[in-house]
Amino acid sequence: MALNSGYYPNFIVAHKLVDTLGFALSPLVPICAVSYVYKRTNKYKKVNSKAFWLAIPFFVNGIISVGSFSFDWIFSITPENVYVRGPLFFVSPLTYYFYYTVNLAVLCAARKKFSKEELLILGMLTIIPAVMSVFQLYYFIFLTIWNSTAIAVIINYIFIIHSQTKIDPLTGLRNRVAYNEYIEGLRGKRNIVLSVVTIDLDDFKSINDTHGHHEGDKVLRIFAGQLEDIFEGKGVPIRLGGDEFVVLLDENQRAVVETYIKILNDKINAYNLRSELPYRIKFSYGLTVFDDRYNSVDELIRHSDKLMYIEKQRRIDGDN
């Protein structure tokens, strides 16, 4: 802003250089947002190589921006050292909004993986800069896009720090804090659609005692990974503590949930066969579906817990 003034006619080159870098690099703001949202939705897996075509608008904008230093395509600087928009100025905002649109499309496609709160916070990385850039385009307000992005990043940072309190550090699943928050949100609601699967690993103590806690931690991570793979987008798998897990599903068809549990059991059995470990990962579970028999969500959960312990005892009696 200081350079864009007739008071500094000797700084035209510096002014052009600053504007060239600004136009060439500013699409990195929405690109970083797209990358972050993609990583969040895909559990921080590597970016698919097919997605690199999305970088084409960035490189086209960069080439035109660099060319503007000499050919006044996106901008020009008058002899009085005043900034003027060029005939190809539209390329730059089109590039921003292309990536804003991609970001919203990624969020929309993965909306079932996030809570409404998460969608809102992640959406701010796009919505706030996109809205504020309109003011920048119309009113020539300097640095609006950067300032608004900084605000969105700070909001997301605070949200991430807050979210870490709800994540189990060993397995990466949600923890008891998240569980309590989820259940509290259901209390008092009517027409609830909910299934609860309470899970406890069998003979887990013997694995710890015989093979060490490091091996026990490995079992917990393996089992948690299977829960996440099977129930992602269908329910919320949670580690309550120790070898206790619970899955909360937005589902009222018992047969559907039983299908998921069968898949889990098959995957665990397949792992046991190929791992050739001296122990087997096994689990007991209790399944309840909310209906007129239950007066509250808490009653539903207690019954699920009771059914899980009945099955666990039946397995112990059968082994004996």
C-alpha atoms as a PDB file:
ATOM      1  CA  MET A   1       0.000   0.000   0.000  1.00  0.00           C
ATOM      2  CA  ALA A   2       2.890   2.327   0.814  1.00  0.00           C
ATOM      3  CA  LEU A   3       4.411   1.685  -2.623  1.00  0.00           C
ATOM      4  CA  ASN A   4       1.139   2.454  -4.401  1.00  0.00           C
ATOM      5  CA  SER A   5       1.647   6.163  -4.185  1.00  0.00           C
ATOM      6  CA  GLY A   6       2.958   9.007  -6.300  1.00  0.00           C
ATOM      7  CA  TYR A   7       5.249   9.894  -3.402  1.00  0.00           C
ATOM      8  CA  TYR A   8       7.648   7.086  -4.360  1.00  0.00           C
ATOM      9  CA  PRO A   9       8.235   7.325  -8.161  1.00  0.00           C
ATOM     10  CA  ASN A  10      11.688   5.771  -7.807  1.00  0.00           C
ATOM     11  CA  PHE A  11      10.243   2.477  -6.467  1.00  0.00           C
ATOM     12  CA  ILE A  12       8.294   1.396  -9.562  1.00  0.00           C
ATOM     13  CA  VAL A  13      10.427  -1.742 -10.009  1.00  0.00           C
ATOM     14  CA  ALA A  14       9.943  -2.720  -6.367  1.00  0.00           C
ATOM     15  CA  HIS A  15       6.225  -2.045  -6.712  1.00  0.00           C
ATOM     16  CA  LYS A  16       5.989  -4.287  -9.786  1.00  0.00           C
ATOM     17  CA  LEU A  17       7.968  -7.031  -8.068  1.00  0.00           C
ATOM     18  CA  VAL A  18       5.697  -6.983  -5.005  1.00  0.00           C
ATOM     19  CA  ASP A  19       2.543  -7.108  -7.129  1.00  0.00           C
ATOM     20  CA  THR A  20       3.966  -9.883  -9.324  1.00  0.00           C
ATOM     21  CA  LEU A  21       4.731 -12.050  -6.300  1.00  0.00           C
ATOM     22  CA  GLY A  22       1.384 -11.191  -4.730  1.00  0.00           C
ATOM     23  CA  PHE A  23      -0.679 -12.255  -7.743  1.00  0.00           C
ATOM     24  CA  ALA A  24       1.479 -15.322  -8.438  1.00  0.00           C
ATOM     25  CA  LEU A  25       1.407 -16.668  -4.884  1.00  0.00           C
ATOM     26  CA  SER A  26      -2.008 -15.618  -3.554  1.00  0.00           C
ATOM     27  CA  PRO A  27      -3.764 -18.750  -4.962  1.00  0.00           C
ATOM     28  CA  LEU A  28      -1.656 -20.708  -2.477  1.00  0.00           C
ATOM     29  CA  VAL A  29      -4.133 -19.557   0.187  1.00  0.00           C
ATOM     30  CA  PRO A  30      -7.119 -21.537  -1.143  1.00  0.00           C
ATOM     31  CA  ILE A  31      -4.798 -24.338  -2.353  1.00  0.00           C
ATOM     32  CA  CYS A  32      -3.526 -24.851   1.203  1.00  0.00           C
ATOM     33  CA  ALA A  33      -7.135 -24.903   2.398  1.00  0.00           C
ATOM     34  CA  VAL A  34      -8.031 -27.540  -0.220  1.00  0.00           C
ATOM     35  CA  SER A  35      -4.991 -29.641   0.731  1.00  0.00           C
ATOM     36  CA  TYR A  36      -5.790 -29.451   4.439  1.00  0.00           C
ATOM     37  CA  VAL A  37      -9.454 -30.351   3.982  1.00  0.00           C
ATOM     38  CA  TYR A  38      -8.519 -33.218   1.645  1.00  0.00           C
ATOM     39  CA  LYS A  39      -6.045 -34.550   4.199  1.00  0.00           C
ATOM     40  CA  ARG A  40      -8.628 -34.307   6.968  1.00  0.00           C
ATOM     41  CA  THR A  41     -11.269 -36.118   4.942  1.00  0.00           C
ATOM     42  CA  ASN A  42      -8.835 -38.878   3.913  1.00  0.00           C
ATOM     43  CA  LYS A  43      -7.166 -39.415   7.286  1.00  0.00           C
ATOM     44  CA  TYR A  44      -3.935 -37.706   6.159  1.00  0.00           C
ATOM     45  CA  LYS A  45      -3.245 -40.196   3.382  1.00  0.00           C
ATOM     46  CA  LYS A  46      -1.095 -39.143   0.435  1.00  0.00           C
ATOM     47  CA  VAL A  47      -2.778 -37.041  -2.217  1.00  0.00           C
ATOM     48  CA  ASN A  48      -3.967 -39.100  -5.174  1.00  0.00           C
ATOM     49  CA  SER A  49      -1.691 -38.476  -8.179  1.00  0.00           C
ATOM     50  CA  LYS A  50      -4.774 -37.872 -10.345  1.00  0.00           C
ATOM     51  CA  ALA A  51      -5.488 -34.732  -8.315  1.00  0.00           C
ATOM     52  CA  PHE A  52      -2.401 -32.910  -9.591  1.00  0.00           C
ATOM     53  CA  TRP A  53      -4.322 -31.601 -12.600  1.00  0.00           C
ATOM     54  CA  LEU A  54      -5.871 -29.213 -10.098  1.00  0.00           C
ATOM     55  CA  ALA A  55      -2.547 -27.364 -10.055  1.00  0.00           C
ATOM     56  CA  ILE A  56      -2.971 -26.228 -13.681  1.00  0.00           C
ATOM     57  CA  PRO A  57      -4.898 -23.002 -12.851  1.00  0.00           C
ATOM     58  CA  PHE A  58      -2.204 -22.109 -10.299  1.00  0.00           C
ATOM     59  CA  PHE A  59       0.580 -22.418 -12.871  1.00  0.00           C
ATOM     60  CA  VAL A  60      -1.403 -20.543 -15.532  1.00  0.00           C
ATOM     61  CA  ASN A  61      -2.046 -17.713 -13.075  1.00  0.00           C
ATOM     62  CA  GLY A  62       1.639 -17.732 -12.108  1.00  0.00           C
ATOM     63  CA  ILE A  63       2.811 -17.453 -15.718  1.00  0.00           C
ATOM     64  CA  ILE A  64       0.440 -14.568 -16.443  1.00  0.00           C
ATOM     65  CA  SER A  65       1.429 -12.867 -13.177  1.00  0.00           C
ATOM     66  CA  VAL A  66       5.138 -13.059 -13.989  1.00  0.00           C
ATOM     67  CA  GLY A  67       4.414 -11.824 -17.521  1.00  0.00           C
ATOM     68  CA  SER A  68       2.579  -8.843 -16.055  1.00  0.00           C
ATOM     69  CA  PHE A  69       5.900  -7.464 -14.813  1.00  0.00           C
ATOM     70  CA  SER A  70       6.785  -6.582 -18.406  1.00  0.00           C
ATOM     71  CA  PHE A  71       3.536  -6.795 -20.378  1.00  0.00           C
ATOM     72  CA  ASP A  72       0.913  -5.300 -18.011  1.00  0.00           C
ATOM     73  CA  TRP A  73      -1.415  -8.314 -18.316  1.00  0.00           C
ATOM     74  CA  ILE A  74      -2.929  -8.516 -14.840  1.00  0.00           C
ATOM     75  CA  PHE A  75      -1.734  -5.141 -13.594  1.00  0.00           C
ATOM     76  CA  SER A  76       0.324  -2.180 -14.669  1.00  0.00           C
ATOM     77  CA  ILE A  77       2.196   0.528 -12.773  1.00  0.00           C
ATOM     78  CA  THR A  78       1.922   4.058 -14.135  1.00  0.00           C
ATOM     79  CA  PRO A  79       4.938   6.404 -14.353  1.00  0.00           C
ATOM     80  CA  GLU A  80       3.525   8.009 -11.211  1.00  0.00           C
ATOM     81  CA  ASN A  81       3.925   4.612  -9.459  1.00  0.00           C
ATOM     82  CA  VAL A  82       0.172   3.987  -9.193  1.00  0.00           C
ATOM     83  CA  TYR A  83      -1.300   0.492  -9.531  1.00  0.00           C
ATOM     84  CA  VAL A  84      -3.860  -0.083 -12.321  1.00  0.00           C
ATOM     85  CA  ARG A  85      -5.696  -3.311 -13.148  1.00  0.00           C
ATOM     86  CA  GLY A  86      -4.808  -4.875 -16.481  1.00  0.00           C
ATOM     87  CA  PRO A  87      -6.979  -6.526 -19.174  1.00  0.00           C
ATOM     88  CA  LEU A  88      -6.310 -10.042 -17.776  1.00  0.00           C
ATOM     89  CA  PHE A  89      -6.959  -9.121 -14.159  1.00  0.00           C
ATOM     90  CA  PHE A  90      -9.963 -11.494 -14.106  1.00  0.00           C
ATOM     91  CA  VAL A  91      -7.588 -14.510 -14.295  1.00  0.00           C
ATOM     92  CA  SER A  92      -6.467 -14.036 -10.712  1.00  0.00           C
ATOM     93  CA  PRO A  93      -9.901 -13.942  -8.980  1.00  0.00           C
ATOM     94  CA  LEU A  94     -11.116 -16.788 -11.224  1.00  0.00           C
ATOM     95  CA  THR A  95      -8.182 -18.859  -9.962  1.00  0.00           C
ATOM     96  CA  TYR A  96      -9.045 -18.110  -6.316  1.00  0.00           C
ATOM     97  CA  TYR A  97     -12.671 -19.002  -6.789  1.00  0.00           C
ATOM     98  CA  PHE A  98     -11.832 -22.163  -8.677  1.00  0.00           C
ATOM     99  CA  TYR A  99     -10.004 -23.457  -5.594  1.00  0.00           C
ATOM    100  CA  TYR A 100     -12.717 -22.140  -3.257  1.00  0.00           C
ATOM    101  CA  THR A 101     -15.238 -24.168  -5.277  1.00  0.00           C
ATOM    102  CA  VAL A 102     -13.042 -27.286  -5.183  1.00  0.00           C
ATOM    103  CA  ASN A 103     -12.703 -26.934  -1.413  1.00  0.00           C
ATOM    104  CA  LEU A 104     -16.464 -26.731  -0.916  1.00  0.00           C
ATOM    105  CA  ALA A 105     -16.939 -29.708  -3.265  1.00  0.00           C
ATOM    106  CA  VAL A 106     -14.504 -31.806  -1.197  1.00  0.00           C
ATOM    107  CA  LEU A 107     -16.332 -30.838   1.992  1.00  0.00           C
ATOM    108  CA  CYS A 108     -19.713 -31.596   0.460  1.00  0.00           C
ATOM    109  CA  ALA A 109     -18.571 -35.023  -0.744  1.00  0.00           C
ATOM    110  CA  ALA A 110     -17.188 -35.883   2.705  1.00  0.00           C
ATOM    111  CA  ARG A 111     -19.953 -34.287   4.764  1.00  0.00           C
ATOM    112  CA  LYS A 112     -20.989 -37.604   6.363  1.00  0.00           C
ATOM    113  CA  LYS A 113     -17.510 -37.969   7.857  1.00  0.00           C
ATOM    114  CA  PHE A 114     -17.821 -34.767   9.874  1.00  0.00           C
ATOM    115  CA  SER A 115     -20.102 -33.296  12.471  1.00  0.00           C
ATOM    116  CA  LYS A 116     -21.978 -30.092  11.658  1.00  0.00           C
ATOM    117  CA  GLU A 117     -19.525 -28.207  13.856  1.00  0.00           C
ATOM    118  CA  GLU A 118     -16.528 -29.593  11.931  1.00  0.00           C
ATOM    119  CA  LEU A 119     -18.121 -28.780   8.575  1.00  0.00           C
ATOM    120  CA  LEU A 120     -18.753 -25.208   9.666  1.00  0.00           C
ATOM    121  CA  ILE A 121     -15.218 -24.672  10.957  1.00  0.00           C
ATOM    122  CA  LEU A 122     -13.549 -26.246   7.903  1.00  0.00           C
ATOM    123  CA  GLY A 123     -15.915 -24.322   5.632  1.00  0.00           C
ATOM    124  CA  MET A 124     -14.681 -21.074   7.159  1.00  0.00           C
ATOM    125  CA  LEU A 125     -11.320 -21.648   5.469  1.00  0.00           C
ATOM    126  CA  THR A 126     -13.183 -21.034   2.217  1.00  0.00           C
ATOM    127  CA  ILE A 127     -16.229 -18.974   3.085  1.00  0.00           C
ATOM    128  CA  ILE A 128     -14.508 -16.150   5.000  1.00  0.00           C
ATOM    129  CA  PRO A 129     -11.750 -15.445   2.410  1.00  0.00           C
ATOM    130  CA  ALA A 130     -14.209 -15.898  -0.478  1.00  0.00           C
ATOM    131  CA  VAL A 131     -16.646 -13.357   0.944  1.00  0.00           C
ATOM    132  CA  MET A 132     -13.968 -10.873   1.963  1.00  0.00           C
ATOM    133  CA  SER A 133     -12.215 -11.115  -1.412  1.00  0.00           C
ATOM    134  CA  VAL A 134     -15.399  -9.708  -2.972  1.00  0.00           C
ATOM    135  CA  PHE A 135     -14.829  -6.531  -0.969  1.00  0.00           C
ATOM    136  CA  GLN A 136     -11.198  -6.528  -2.057  1.00  0.00           C
ATOM    137  CA  LEU A 137     -12.182  -6.819  -5.709  1.00  0.00           C
ATOM    138  CA  TYR A 138     -14.883  -4.169  -5.525  1.00  0.00           C
ATOM    139  CA  TYR A 139     -13.417  -1.630  -3.107  1.00  0.00           C
ATOM    140  CA  PHE A 140      -9.670  -2.159  -3.752  1.00  0.00           C
ATOM    141  CA  ILE A 141      -9.166  -2.926  -0.037  1.00  0.00           C
ATOM    142  CA  PHE A 142      -5.555  -4.019   0.302  1.00  0.00           C
ATOM    143  CA  LEU A 143      -4.684  -7.382   1.927  1.00  0.00           C
ATOM    144  CA  THR A 144      -8.319  -8.273   2.708  1.00  0.00           C
ATOM    145  CA  ILE A 145      -7.892 -11.812   1.426  1.00  0.00           C
ATOM    146  CA  TRP A 146      -4.790 -12.349   3.570  1.00  0.00           C
ATOM    147  CA  ASN A 147      -6.344 -10.869   6.710  1.00  0.00           C
ATOM    148  CA  SER A 148      -9.541 -12.873   6.346  1.00  0.00           C
ATOM    149  CA  THR A 149      -7.536 -16.058   5.761  1.00  0.00           C
ATOM    150  CA  ALA A 150      -5.534 -15.375   8.914  1.00  0.00           C
ATOM    151  CA  ILE A 151      -8.796 -15.106  10.868  1.00  0.00           C
ATOM    152  CA  ALA A 152     -10.065 -18.396   9.389  1.00  0.00           C
ATOM    153  CA  VAL A 153      -6.757 -20.149  10.167  1.00  0.00           C
ATOM    154  CA  ILE A 154      -6.838 -18.936  13.778  1.00  0.00           C
ATOM    155  CA  ILE A 155     -10.410 -20.206  14.180  1.00  0.00           C
ATOM    156  CA  ASN A 156      -9.378 -23.603  12.773  1.00  0.00           C
ATOM    157  CA  TYR A 157      -6.299 -23.714  15.012  1.00  0.00           C
ATOM    158  CA  ILE A 158      -8.414 -23.113  18.113  1.00  0.00           C
ATOM    159  CA  PHE A 159     -10.835 -25.784  16.934  1.00  0.00           C
ATOM    160  CA  ILE A 160      -7.988 -28.283  16.383  1.00  0.00           C
ATOM    161  CA  ILE A 161      -6.603 -27.667  19.870  1.00  0.00           C
ATOM    162  CA  HIS A 162     -10.095 -28.104  21.315  1.00  0.00           C
ATOM    163  CA  SER A 163     -10.660 -31.260  19.242  1.00  0.00           C
ATOM    164  CA  GLN A 164      -7.484 -32.873  20.566  1.00  0.00           C
ATOM    165  CA  THR A 165      -9.137 -33.182  23.972  1.00  0.00           C
ATOM    166  CA  LYS A 166     -11.711 -35.510  22.352  1.00  0.00           C
ATOM    167  CA  ILE A 167      -9.224 -37.840  20.632  1.00  0.00           C
ATOM    168  CA  ASP A 168      -7.713 -40.953  22.179  1.00  0.00           C
ATOM    169  CA  PRO A 169      -3.936 -40.538  21.679  1.00  0.00           C
ATOM    170  CA  LEU A 170      -3.255 -44.278  21.319  1.00  0.00           C
ATOM    171  CA  THR A 171      -5.869 -45.300  18.746  1.00  0.00           C
ATOM    172  CA  GLY A 172      -6.917 -42.005  17.166  1.00  0.00           C
ATOM    173  CA  LEU A 173     -10.569 -42.781  17.893  1.00  0.00           C
ATOM    174  CA  ARG A 174     -12.788 -40.413  19.825  1.00  0.00           C
ATOM    175  CA  ASN A 175     -12.542 -40.737  23.584  1.00  0.00           C
ATOM    176  CA  ARG A 176     -14.859 -40.617  26.587  1.00  0.00           C
ATOM    177  CA  VAL A 177     -15.026 -36.809  26.470  1.00  0.00           C
ATOM    178  CA  ALA A 178     -16.408 -36.999  22.924  1.00  0.00           C
ATOM    179  CA  TYR A 179     -18.707 -39.834  23.985  1.00  0.00           C
ATOM    180  CA  ASN A 180     -20.174 -37.833  26.868  1.00  0.00           C
ATOM    181  CA  GLU A 181     -20.666 -34.829  24.595  1.00  0.00           C
ATOM    182  CA  TYR A 182     -22.394 -36.963  21.948  1.00  0.00           C
ATOM    183  CA  ILE A 183     -24.737 -38.617  24.463  1.00  0.00           C
ATOM    184  CA  GLU A 184     -25.530 -35.314  26.138  1.00  0.00           C
ATOM    185  CA  GLY A 185     -26.620 -33.965  22.758  1.00  0.00           C
ATOM    186  CA  LEU A 186     -29.090 -36.861  22.395  1.00  0.00           C
ATOM    187  CA  ARG A 187     -30.697 -36.528  25.808  1.00  0.00           C
ATOM    188  CA  GLY A 188     -34.110 -34.932  25.653  1.00  0.00           C
ATOM    189  CA  LYS A 189     -34.430 -35.349  21.900  1.00  0.00           C
ATOM    190  CA  ARG A 190     -37.442 -37.017  20.361  1.00  0.00           C
ATOM    191  CA  ASN A 191     -37.614 -39.420  17.427  1.00  0.00           C
ATOM    192  CA  ILE A 192     -34.050 -40.564  18.008  1.00  0.00           C
ATOM    193  CA  VAL A 193     -32.518 -42.891  15.442  1.00  0.00           C
ATOM    194  CA  LEU A 194     -29.716 -44.664  17.282  1.00  0.00           C
ATOM    195  CA  SER A 195     -28.040 -48.040  17.587  1.00  0.00           C
ATOM    196  CA  VAL A 196     -25.387 -48.757  20.196  1.00  0.00           C
ATOM    197  CA  VAL A 197     -22.738 -51.458  19.918  1.00  0.00           C
ATOM    198  CA  THR A 198     -20.758 -51.961  23.124  1.00  0.00           C
ATOM    199  CA  ILE A 199     -17.524 -53.918  22.575  1.00  0.00           C
ATOM    200  CA  ASP A 200     -14.971 -55.476  24.885  1.00  0.00           C
ATOM    201  CA  LEU A 201     -11.858 -57.395  23.790  1.00  0.00           C
ATOM    202  CA  ASP A 202     -11.644 -60.968  25.087  1.00  0.00           C
ATOM    203  CA  ASP A 203      -8.541 -62.185  26.963  1.00  0.00           C
ATOM    204  CA  PHE A 204      -6.901 -58.792  26.557  1.00  0.00           C
ATOM    205  CA  LYS A 205      -5.348 -58.941  30.021  1.00  0.00           C
ATOM    206  CA  SER A 206      -3.584 -62.195  29.174  1.00  0.00           C
ATOM    207  CA  ILE A 207      -2.064 -60.550  26.065  1.00  0.00           C
ATOM    208  CA  ASN A 208      -0.695 -57.752  28.223  1.00  0.00           C
ATOM    209  CA  ASP A 209       0.548 -60.129  30.917  1.00  0.00           C
ATOM    210  CA  THR A 210       2.132 -62.624  28.514  1.00  0.00           C
ATOM    211  CA  HIS A 211       3.449 -60.449  25.706  1.00  0.00           C
ATOM    212  CA  GLY A 212       3.767 -57.024  27.348  1.00  0.00           C
ATOM    213  CA  HIS A 213       1.840 -53.775  27.208  1.00  0.00           C
ATOM    214  CA  HIS A 214       3.526 -52.794  23.954  1.00  0.00           C
ATOM    215  CA  GLU A 215       1.840 -55.760  22.262  1.00  0.00           C
ATOM    216  CA  GLY A 216      -1.436 -54.891  23.995  1.00  0.00           C
ATOM    217  CA  ASP A 217      -1.223 -51.357  22.601  1.00  0.00           C
ATOM    218  CA  LYS A 218      -0.640 -52.835  19.146  1.00  0.00           C
ATOM    219  CA  VAL A 219      -3.822 -54.917  19.473  1.00  0.00           C
ATOM    220  CA  LEU A 220      -5.821 -51.846  20.486  1.00  0.00           C
ATOM    221  CA  ARG A 221      -4.561 -49.887  17.477  1.00  0.00           C
ATOM    222  CA  ILE A 222      -5.309 -52.757  15.092  1.00  0.00           C
ATOM    223  CA  PHE A 223      -8.825 -53.204  16.422  1.00  0.00           C
ATOM    224  CA  ALA A 224      -9.482 -49.454  16.411  1.00  0.00           C
ATOM    225  CA  GLY A 225      -8.315 -49.290  12.793  1.00  0.00           C
ATOM    226  CA  GLN A 226     -10.800 -51.980  11.809  1.00  0.00           C
ATOM    227  CA  LEU A 227     -13.609 -50.150  13.609  1.00  0.00           C
ATOM    228  CA  GLU A 228     -12.746 -46.947  11.801  1.00  0.00           C
ATOM    229  CA  ASP A 229     -12.588 -48.616   8.378  1.00  0.00           C
ATOM    230  CA  ILE A 230     -15.935 -50.369   8.795  1.00  0.00           C
ATOM    231  CA  PHE A 231     -17.964 -47.670  10.526  1.00  0.00           C
ATOM    232  CA  GLU A 232     -16.544 -44.560   8.876  1.00  0.00           C
ATOM    233  CA  GLY A 233     -19.467 -42.563   7.538  1.00  0.00           C
ATOM    234  CA  LYS A 234     -21.907 -44.942   9.229  1.00  0.00           C
ATOM    235  CA  GLY A 235     -21.253 -44.392  12.910  1.00  0.00           C
ATOM    236  CA  VAL A 236     -18.919 -42.995  15.552  1.00  0.00           C
ATOM    237  CA  PRO A 237     -16.419 -45.531  16.966  1.00  0.00           C
ATOM    238  CA  ILE A 238     -15.159 -44.540  20.412  1.00  0.00           C
ATOM    239  CA  ARG A 239     -12.601 -45.958  22.823  1.00  0.00           C
ATOM    240  CA  LEU A 240     -14.042 -45.564  26.282  1.00  0.00           C
ATOM    241  CA  GLY A 241     -10.854 -46.745  27.969  1.00  0.00           C
ATOM    242  CA  GLY A 242      -8.742 -49.880  28.351  1.00  0.00           C
ATOM    243  CA  ASP A 243     -10.123 -52.498  25.958  1.00  0.00           C
ATOM    244  CA  GLU A 244     -13.653 -51.068  25.986  1.00  0.00           C
ATOM    245  CA  PHE A 245     -15.137 -49.590  22.827  1.00  0.00           C
ATOM    246  CA  VAL A 246     -18.543 -48.344  21.747  1.00  0.00           C
ATOM    247  CA  VAL A 247     -19.972 -47.517  18.342  1.00  0.00           C
ATOM    248  CA  LEU A 248     -22.885 -45.081  18.037  1.00  0.00           C
ATOM    249  CA  LEU A 249     -24.784 -45.373  14.768  1.00  0.00           C
ATOM    250  CA  ASP A 250     -27.494 -43.272  13.182  1.00  0.00           C
ATOM    251  CA  GLU A 251     -29.375 -46.458  12.308  1.00  0.00           C
ATOM    252  CA  ASN A 252     -32.591 -48.154  13.496  1.00  0.00           C
ATOM    253  CA  GLN A 253     -32.368 -51.375  11.471  1.00  0.00           C
ATOM    254  CA  ARG A 254     -30.856 -54.125  13.591  1.00  0.00           C
ATOM    255  CA  ALA A 255     -30.068 -56.300  10.556  1.00  0.00           C
ATOM    256  CA  VAL A 256     -27.954 -53.514   9.044  1.00  0.00           C
ATOM    257  CA  VAL A 257     -25.853 -53.134  12.194  1.00  0.00           C
ATOM    258  CA  GLU A 258     -25.452 -56.907  12.512  1.00  0.00           C
ATOM    259  CA  THR A 259     -24.064 -56.920   8.961  1.00  0.00           C
ATOM    260  CA  TYR A 260     -21.421 -54.388  10.007  1.00  0.00           C
ATOM    261  CA  ILE A 261     -20.502 -56.508  13.030  1.00  0.00           C
ATOM    262  CA  LYS A 262     -20.177 -59.608  10.851  1.00  0.00           C
ATOM    263  CA  ILE A 263     -17.805 -57.713   8.567  1.00  0.00           C
ATOM    264  CA  LEU A 264     -15.785 -56.664  11.626  1.00  0.00           C
ATOM    265  CA  ASN A 265     -15.639 -60.242  12.881  1.00  0.00           C
ATOM    266  CA  ASP A 266     -14.572 -61.524   9.443  1.00  0.00           C
ATOM    267  CA  LYS A 267     -11.827 -58.911   9.165  1.00  0.00           C
ATOM    268  CA  ILE A 268     -10.488 -59.692  12.636  1.00  0.00           C
ATOM    269  CA  ASN A 269     -10.495 -63.423  11.877  1.00  0.00           C
ATOM    270  CA  ALA A 270      -8.680 -62.791   8.591  1.00  0.00           C
ATOM    271  CA  TYR A 271      -6.065 -60.753  10.450  1.00  0.00           C
ATOM    272  CA  ASN A 272      -5.605 -63.527  13.008  1.00  0.00           C
ATOM    273  CA  LEU A 273      -4.998 -66.049  10.240  1.00  0.00           C
ATOM    274  CA  ARG A 274      -2.437 -64.056   8.294  1.00  0.00           C
ATOM    275  CA  SER A 275      -0.600 -62.542  11.296  1.00  0.00           C
ATOM    276  CA  GLU A 276       0.440 -65.934  12.754  1.00  0.00           C
ATOM    277  CA  LEU A 277       0.617 -64.387  16.221  1.00  0.00           C
ATOM    278  CA  PRO A 278       0.653 -66.628  19.316  1.00  0.00           C
ATOM    279  CA  TYR A 279      -2.680 -65.118  20.365  1.00  0.00           C
ATOM    280  CA  ARG A 280      -5.983 -64.298  18.717  1.00  0.00           C
ATOM    281  CA  ILE A 281      -7.813 -60.991  18.784  1.00  0.00           C
ATOM    282  CA  LYS A 282     -11.390 -61.683  19.881  1.00  0.00           C
ATOM    283  CA  PHE A 283     -14.244 -59.491  21.044  1.00  0.00           C
ATOM    284  CA  SER A 284     -17.653 -59.668  22.681  1.00  0.00           C
ATOM    285  CA  TYR A 285     -20.382 -57.176  21.927  1.00  0.00           C
ATOM    286  CA  GLY A 286     -23.848 -56.048  22.907  1.00  0.00           C
ATOM    287  CA  LEU A 287     -26.198 -54.488  20.370  1.00  0.00           C
ATOM    288  CA  THR A 288     -29.265 -52.399  21.129  1.00  0.00           C
ATOM    289  CA  VAL A 289     -31.504 -50.344  18.855  1.00  0.00           C
ATOM    290  CA  PHE A 290     -33.517 -47.449  20.240  1.00  0.00           C
ATOM    291  CA  ASP A 291     -37.270 -48.042  20.177  1.00  0.00           C
ATOM    292  CA  ASP A 292     -40.349 -47.757  22.427  1.00  0.00           C
ATOM    293  CA  ARG A 293     -38.918 -50.230  24.938  1.00  0.00           C
ATOM    294  CA  TYR A 294     -36.407 -47.670  26.151  1.00  0.00           C
ATOM    295  CA  ASN A 295     -37.292 -44.560  28.109  1.00  0.00           C
ATOM    296  CA  SER A 296     -33.955 -42.862  27.532  1.00  0.00           C
ATOM    297  CA  VAL A 297     -30.635 -43.093  25.713  1.00  0.00           C
ATOM    298  CA  ASP A 298     -28.939 -43.992  28.999  1.00  0.00           C
ATOM    299  CA  GLU A 299     -31.228 -46.984  29.444  1.00  0.00           C
ATOM    300  CA  LEU A 300     -30.397 -48.101  25.898  1.00  0.00           C
ATOM    301  CA  ILE A 301     -26.655 -47.911  26.610  1.00  0.00           C
ATOM    302  CA  ARG A 302     -26.961 -49.782  29.909  1.00  0.00           C
ATOM    303  CA  HIS A 303     -28.822 -52.591  28.176  1.00  0.00           C
ATOM    304  CA  SER A 304     -26.167 -52.780  25.443  1.00  0.00           C
ATOM    305  CA  ASP A 305     -23.477 -52.998  28.109  1.00  0.00           C
ATOM    306  CA  LYS A 306     -25.395 -55.744  29.909  1.00  0.00           C
ATOM    307  CA  LEU A 307     -25.782 -57.770  26.708  1.00  0.00           C
ATOM    308  CA  MET A 308     -22.060 -57.460  26.030  1.00  0.00           C
ATOM    309  CA  TYR A 309     -21.162 -58.871  29.464  1.00  0.00           C
ATOM    310  CA  ILE A 310     -23.677 -61.704  29.053  1.00  0.00           C
ATOM    311  CA  GLU A 311     -21.989 -62.690  25.782  1.00  0.00           C
ATOM    312  CA  LYS A 312     -18.540 -62.327  27.347  1.00  0.00           C
ATOM    313  CA  GLN A 313     -19.506 -64.627  30.216  1.00  0.00           C
ATOM    314  CA  ARG A 314     -21.010 -67.117  27.762  1.00  0.00           C
ATOM    315  CA  ARG A 315     -17.715 -67.206  25.872  1.00  0.00           C
ATOM    316  CA  ILE A 316     -15.765 -67.753  29.095  1.00  0.00           C
ATOM    317  CA  ASP A 317     -18.109 -70.581  30.144  1.00  0.00           C
ATOM    318  CA  GLY A 318     -17.803 -72.118  26.678  1.00  0.00           C
ATOM    319  CA  ASP A 319     -13.996 -72.075  26.837  1.00  0.00           C
ATOM    320  CA  ASN A 320     -14.132 -73.819  30.202  1.00  0.00           C
END
